[in-house]
């Protein structure tokens, strides 16, 4: 979906921005084993960098999952310069 329509054209309920983290987004998908989440950011408009995925088991996204993605985004931005 992100590739078909472009990362900036897909909205909720499929994609949600992460509050407090500029450029960090959450891709949301429901499956048999639960609700899967994958954090990502975009680079140079249409490149999608996947950072961290997990199966969500609570209503609220655990802070440690967001922090893991934010840390990886920071590391990736160094490599992508």
N, C-alpha and C. Protein backbone atom coordinates (compact mmCIF):
# COMPACT_ATOMS: atom_id res chain seq x y z
N UNK A 1 0.82 -1.18 0.00
CA UNK A 1 0.00 0.00 0.00
C UNK A 1 0.87 1.26 0.00
N UNK A 2 1.92 1.26 0.83
CA UNK A 2 2.81 2.41 0.87
C UNK A 2 3.50 2.62 -0.47
N UNK A 3 3.88 1.52 -1.11
CA UNK A 3 4.55 1.63 -2.41
C UNK A 3 3.58 2.05 -3.51
N UNK A 4 2.36 1.54 -3.45
CA UNK A 4 1.37 1.84 -4.48
C UNK A 4 0.93 3.30 -4.45
N UNK A 5 0.57 3.78 -3.27
CA UNK A 5 0.01 5.13 -3.14
C UNK A 5 1.02 6.18 -2.69
N UNK A 6 2.18 5.74 -2.26
CA UNK A 6 3.19 6.67 -1.75
C UNK A 6 3.04 6.83 -0.25
N UNK A 7 4.14 6.91 0.47
CA UNK A 7 4.10 6.95 1.93
C UNK A 7 3.39 8.17 2.51
N UNK A 8 3.28 9.24 1.74
CA UNK A 8 2.65 10.45 2.27
C UNK A 8 1.16 10.51 1.96
N UNK A 9 0.64 9.51 1.24
CA UNK A 9 -0.77 9.50 0.87
C UNK A 9 -1.60 8.48 1.63
N UNK A 10 -0.98 7.63 2.43
CA UNK A 10 -1.71 6.62 3.20
C UNK A 10 -1.94 7.18 4.60
N UNK A 11 -3.16 7.10 5.07
CA UNK A 11 -3.54 7.67 6.37
C UNK A 11 -4.15 6.60 7.27
N UNK A 12 -4.64 7.04 8.43
CA UNK A 12 -5.31 6.14 9.36
C UNK A 12 -6.51 5.50 8.67
N UNK A 13 -6.80 4.28 8.93
CA UNK A 13 -6.32 3.45 10.04
C UNK A 13 -5.06 2.66 9.73
N UNK A 14 -4.47 2.84 8.55
CA UNK A 14 -3.31 2.04 8.15
C UNK A 14 -1.99 2.61 8.65
N UNK A 15 -1.89 3.91 8.70
CA UNK A 15 -0.66 4.59 9.11
C UNK A 15 -0.99 5.66 10.12
N UNK A 16 -0.13 5.76 11.13
CA UNK A 16 -0.34 6.77 12.17
C UNK A 16 1.00 7.42 12.51
N UNK A 17 1.06 8.75 12.56
CA UNK A 17 2.31 9.39 13.00
C UNK A 17 2.51 9.18 14.50
N UNK A 18 3.75 9.09 14.92
CA UNK A 18 4.07 8.91 16.33
C UNK A 18 4.29 10.29 16.94
N UNK A 19 3.45 10.63 17.90
CA UNK A 19 3.53 11.94 18.55
C UNK A 19 4.87 12.10 19.26
N UNK A 20 5.45 13.28 19.09
CA UNK A 20 6.71 13.59 19.75
C UNK A 20 7.94 13.15 18.98
N UNK A 21 7.75 12.48 17.84
CA UNK A 21 8.87 12.01 17.03
C UNK A 21 8.64 12.43 15.58
N UNK A 22 9.35 13.46 15.17
CA UNK A 22 9.20 13.96 13.81
C UNK A 22 9.67 12.90 12.82
N UNK A 23 8.87 12.65 11.81
CA UNK A 23 9.16 11.72 10.71
C UNK A 23 8.97 10.25 11.05
N UNK A 24 8.59 9.90 12.27
CA UNK A 24 8.41 8.50 12.64
C UNK A 24 6.93 8.12 12.53
N UNK A 25 6.66 7.02 11.80
CA UNK A 25 5.29 6.57 11.57
C UNK A 25 5.13 5.10 11.96
N UNK A 26 3.88 4.72 12.18
CA UNK A 26 3.53 3.36 12.56
C UNK A 26 2.60 2.79 11.49
N UNK A 27 3.02 1.71 10.85
CA UNK A 27 2.19 0.98 9.90
C UNK A 27 1.42 -0.06 10.68
N UNK A 28 0.11 -0.13 10.48
CA UNK A 28 -0.74 -0.99 11.30
C UNK A 28 -1.40 -2.06 10.43
N UNK A 29 -1.38 -3.31 10.90
CA UNK A 29 -2.01 -4.41 10.17
C UNK A 29 -2.56 -5.43 11.16
N UNK A 30 -3.76 -5.92 10.87
CA UNK A 30 -4.37 -6.94 11.73
C UNK A 30 -4.12 -8.31 11.11
N UNK A 31 -3.80 -9.27 11.98
CA UNK A 31 -3.57 -10.63 11.54
C UNK A 31 -4.16 -11.62 12.52
N UNK A 32 -3.99 -12.89 12.26
CA UNK A 32 -4.54 -13.93 13.13
C UNK A 32 -3.94 -13.91 14.53
N UNK A 33 -2.66 -13.57 14.64
CA UNK A 33 -2.00 -13.61 15.94
C UNK A 33 -2.04 -12.28 16.69
N UNK A 34 -2.71 -11.30 16.14
CA UNK A 34 -2.81 -10.01 16.82
C UNK A 34 -2.66 -8.85 15.85
N UNK A 35 -2.37 -7.71 16.40
CA UNK A 35 -2.22 -6.50 15.60
C UNK A 35 -0.72 -6.22 15.43
N UNK A 36 -0.25 -6.32 14.21
CA UNK A 36 1.17 -6.09 13.93
C UNK A 36 1.41 -4.61 13.70
N UNK A 37 2.55 -4.15 14.17
CA UNK A 37 2.96 -2.77 13.98
C UNK A 37 4.39 -2.76 13.46
N UNK A 38 4.65 -1.88 12.51
CA UNK A 38 6.00 -1.68 11.99
C UNK A 38 6.25 -0.18 11.96
N UNK A 39 7.32 0.23 12.62
CA UNK A 39 7.70 1.64 12.61
C UNK A 39 8.59 1.90 11.40
N UNK A 40 8.41 3.06 10.80
CA UNK A 40 9.21 3.41 9.63
C UNK A 40 9.35 4.93 9.51
N UNK A 41 10.26 5.35 8.65
CA UNK A 41 10.34 6.74 8.25
C UNK A 41 10.66 6.77 6.77
N UNK A 42 10.47 7.92 6.15
CA UNK A 42 10.76 8.04 4.73
C UNK A 42 12.04 8.83 4.54
N UNK A 43 12.72 8.50 3.47
CA UNK A 43 13.99 9.15 3.14
C UNK A 43 13.94 9.53 1.67
N UNK A 44 14.28 10.75 1.38
CA UNK A 44 14.26 11.25 -0.01
C UNK A 44 12.92 10.98 -0.68
N UNK A 45 11.87 11.39 -0.02
CA UNK A 45 10.49 11.36 -0.52
C UNK A 45 9.87 9.96 -0.58
N UNK A 46 10.37 9.04 -1.38
CA UNK A 46 9.67 7.78 -1.59
C UNK A 46 10.40 6.54 -1.09
N UNK A 47 11.53 6.70 -0.45
CA UNK A 47 12.22 5.54 0.11
C UNK A 47 11.69 5.30 1.52
N UNK A 48 11.30 4.07 1.79
CA UNK A 48 10.70 3.72 3.08
C UNK A 48 11.71 2.88 3.85
N UNK A 49 12.08 3.34 5.03
CA UNK A 49 13.05 2.65 5.87
C UNK A 49 12.29 2.01 7.03
N UNK A 50 12.22 0.68 7.04
CA UNK A 50 11.56 -0.06 8.12
C UNK A 50 12.52 -0.17 9.29
N UNK A 51 12.03 0.11 10.49
CA UNK A 51 12.90 0.20 11.66
C UNK A 51 12.69 -0.90 12.68
N UNK A 52 11.44 -1.20 12.99
CA UNK A 52 11.16 -2.11 14.09
C UNK A 52 9.72 -2.59 13.98
N UNK A 53 9.51 -3.88 14.15
CA UNK A 53 8.17 -4.44 14.11
C UNK A 53 7.89 -5.29 15.33
N UNK A 54 6.62 -5.37 15.69
CA UNK A 54 6.21 -6.18 16.84
C UNK A 54 4.72 -6.46 16.75
N UNK A 55 4.24 -7.43 17.53
CA UNK A 55 2.81 -7.72 17.64
C UNK A 55 2.30 -7.02 18.88
N UNK A 56 1.33 -6.17 18.68
CA UNK A 56 0.78 -5.36 19.77
C UNK A 56 -0.25 -6.17 20.56
N UNK A 57 -0.09 -6.17 21.88
CA UNK A 57 -0.98 -6.95 22.74
C UNK A 57 -1.77 -6.09 23.72
N UNK A 58 -1.48 -4.78 23.74
CA UNK A 58 -2.19 -3.87 24.64
C UNK A 58 -2.78 -2.73 23.81
N UNK A 59 -3.66 -1.94 24.41
CA UNK A 59 -4.27 -0.82 23.69
C UNK A 59 -3.24 0.25 23.33
N UNK A 60 -2.35 0.53 24.25
CA UNK A 60 -1.36 1.58 24.05
C UNK A 60 -0.04 0.96 23.56
N UNK A 61 0.60 1.63 22.62
CA UNK A 61 1.89 1.15 22.14
C UNK A 61 2.93 1.33 23.24
N UNK A 62 3.61 0.25 23.63
CA UNK A 62 4.62 0.36 24.70
C UNK A 62 5.73 1.35 24.34
N UNK A 63 6.10 2.16 25.31
CA UNK A 63 7.13 3.19 25.11
C UNK A 63 8.45 2.58 24.65
N UNK A 64 8.79 1.40 25.15
CA UNK A 64 10.08 0.79 24.77
C UNK A 64 10.11 0.45 23.28
N UNK A 65 8.96 0.12 22.71
CA UNK A 65 8.90 -0.19 21.28
C UNK A 65 9.15 1.09 20.46
N UNK A 66 8.54 2.19 20.88
CA UNK A 66 8.75 3.47 20.21
C UNK A 66 10.20 3.92 20.36
N UNK A 67 10.75 3.76 21.54
CA UNK A 67 12.14 4.16 21.79
C UNK A 67 13.11 3.35 20.94
N UNK A 68 12.84 2.06 20.77
CA UNK A 68 13.68 1.22 19.92
C UNK A 68 13.67 1.74 18.49
N UNK A 69 12.48 2.05 17.99
CA UNK A 69 12.36 2.57 16.62
C UNK A 69 13.06 3.92 16.48
N UNK A 70 12.89 4.79 17.47
CA UNK A 70 13.51 6.13 17.42
C UNK A 70 15.04 6.01 17.41
N UNK A 71 15.56 5.10 18.20
CA UNK A 71 17.01 4.88 18.25
C UNK A 71 17.52 4.38 16.90
N UNK A 72 16.80 3.45 16.31
CA UNK A 72 17.20 2.91 15.01
C UNK A 72 17.09 3.95 13.91
N UNK A 73 16.09 4.82 14.01
CA UNK A 73 15.95 5.89 13.02
C UNK A 73 17.15 6.82 13.09
N UNK A 74 17.55 7.16 14.29
CA UNK A 74 18.71 8.04 14.48
C UNK A 74 19.97 7.39 13.88
N UNK A 75 20.16 6.10 14.13
CA UNK A 75 21.31 5.38 13.58
C UNK A 75 21.24 5.32 12.06
N UNK A 76 20.06 5.06 11.52
CA UNK A 76 19.90 4.95 10.07
C UNK A 76 20.18 6.28 9.38
N UNK A 77 19.78 7.36 10.00
CA UNK A 77 20.00 8.68 9.38
C UNK A 77 21.49 8.99 9.25
N UNK A 78 22.30 8.47 10.16
CA UNK A 78 23.75 8.65 10.05
C UNK A 78 24.27 7.90 8.82
N UNK A 79 23.80 6.68 8.62
CA UNK A 79 24.25 5.86 7.49
C UNK A 79 23.74 6.37 6.15
N UNK A 80 22.58 7.01 6.15
CA UNK A 80 21.96 7.45 4.90
C UNK A 80 22.44 8.80 4.40
N UNK A 81 23.23 9.48 5.17
CA UNK A 81 23.71 10.81 4.75
C UNK A 81 24.55 10.73 3.51
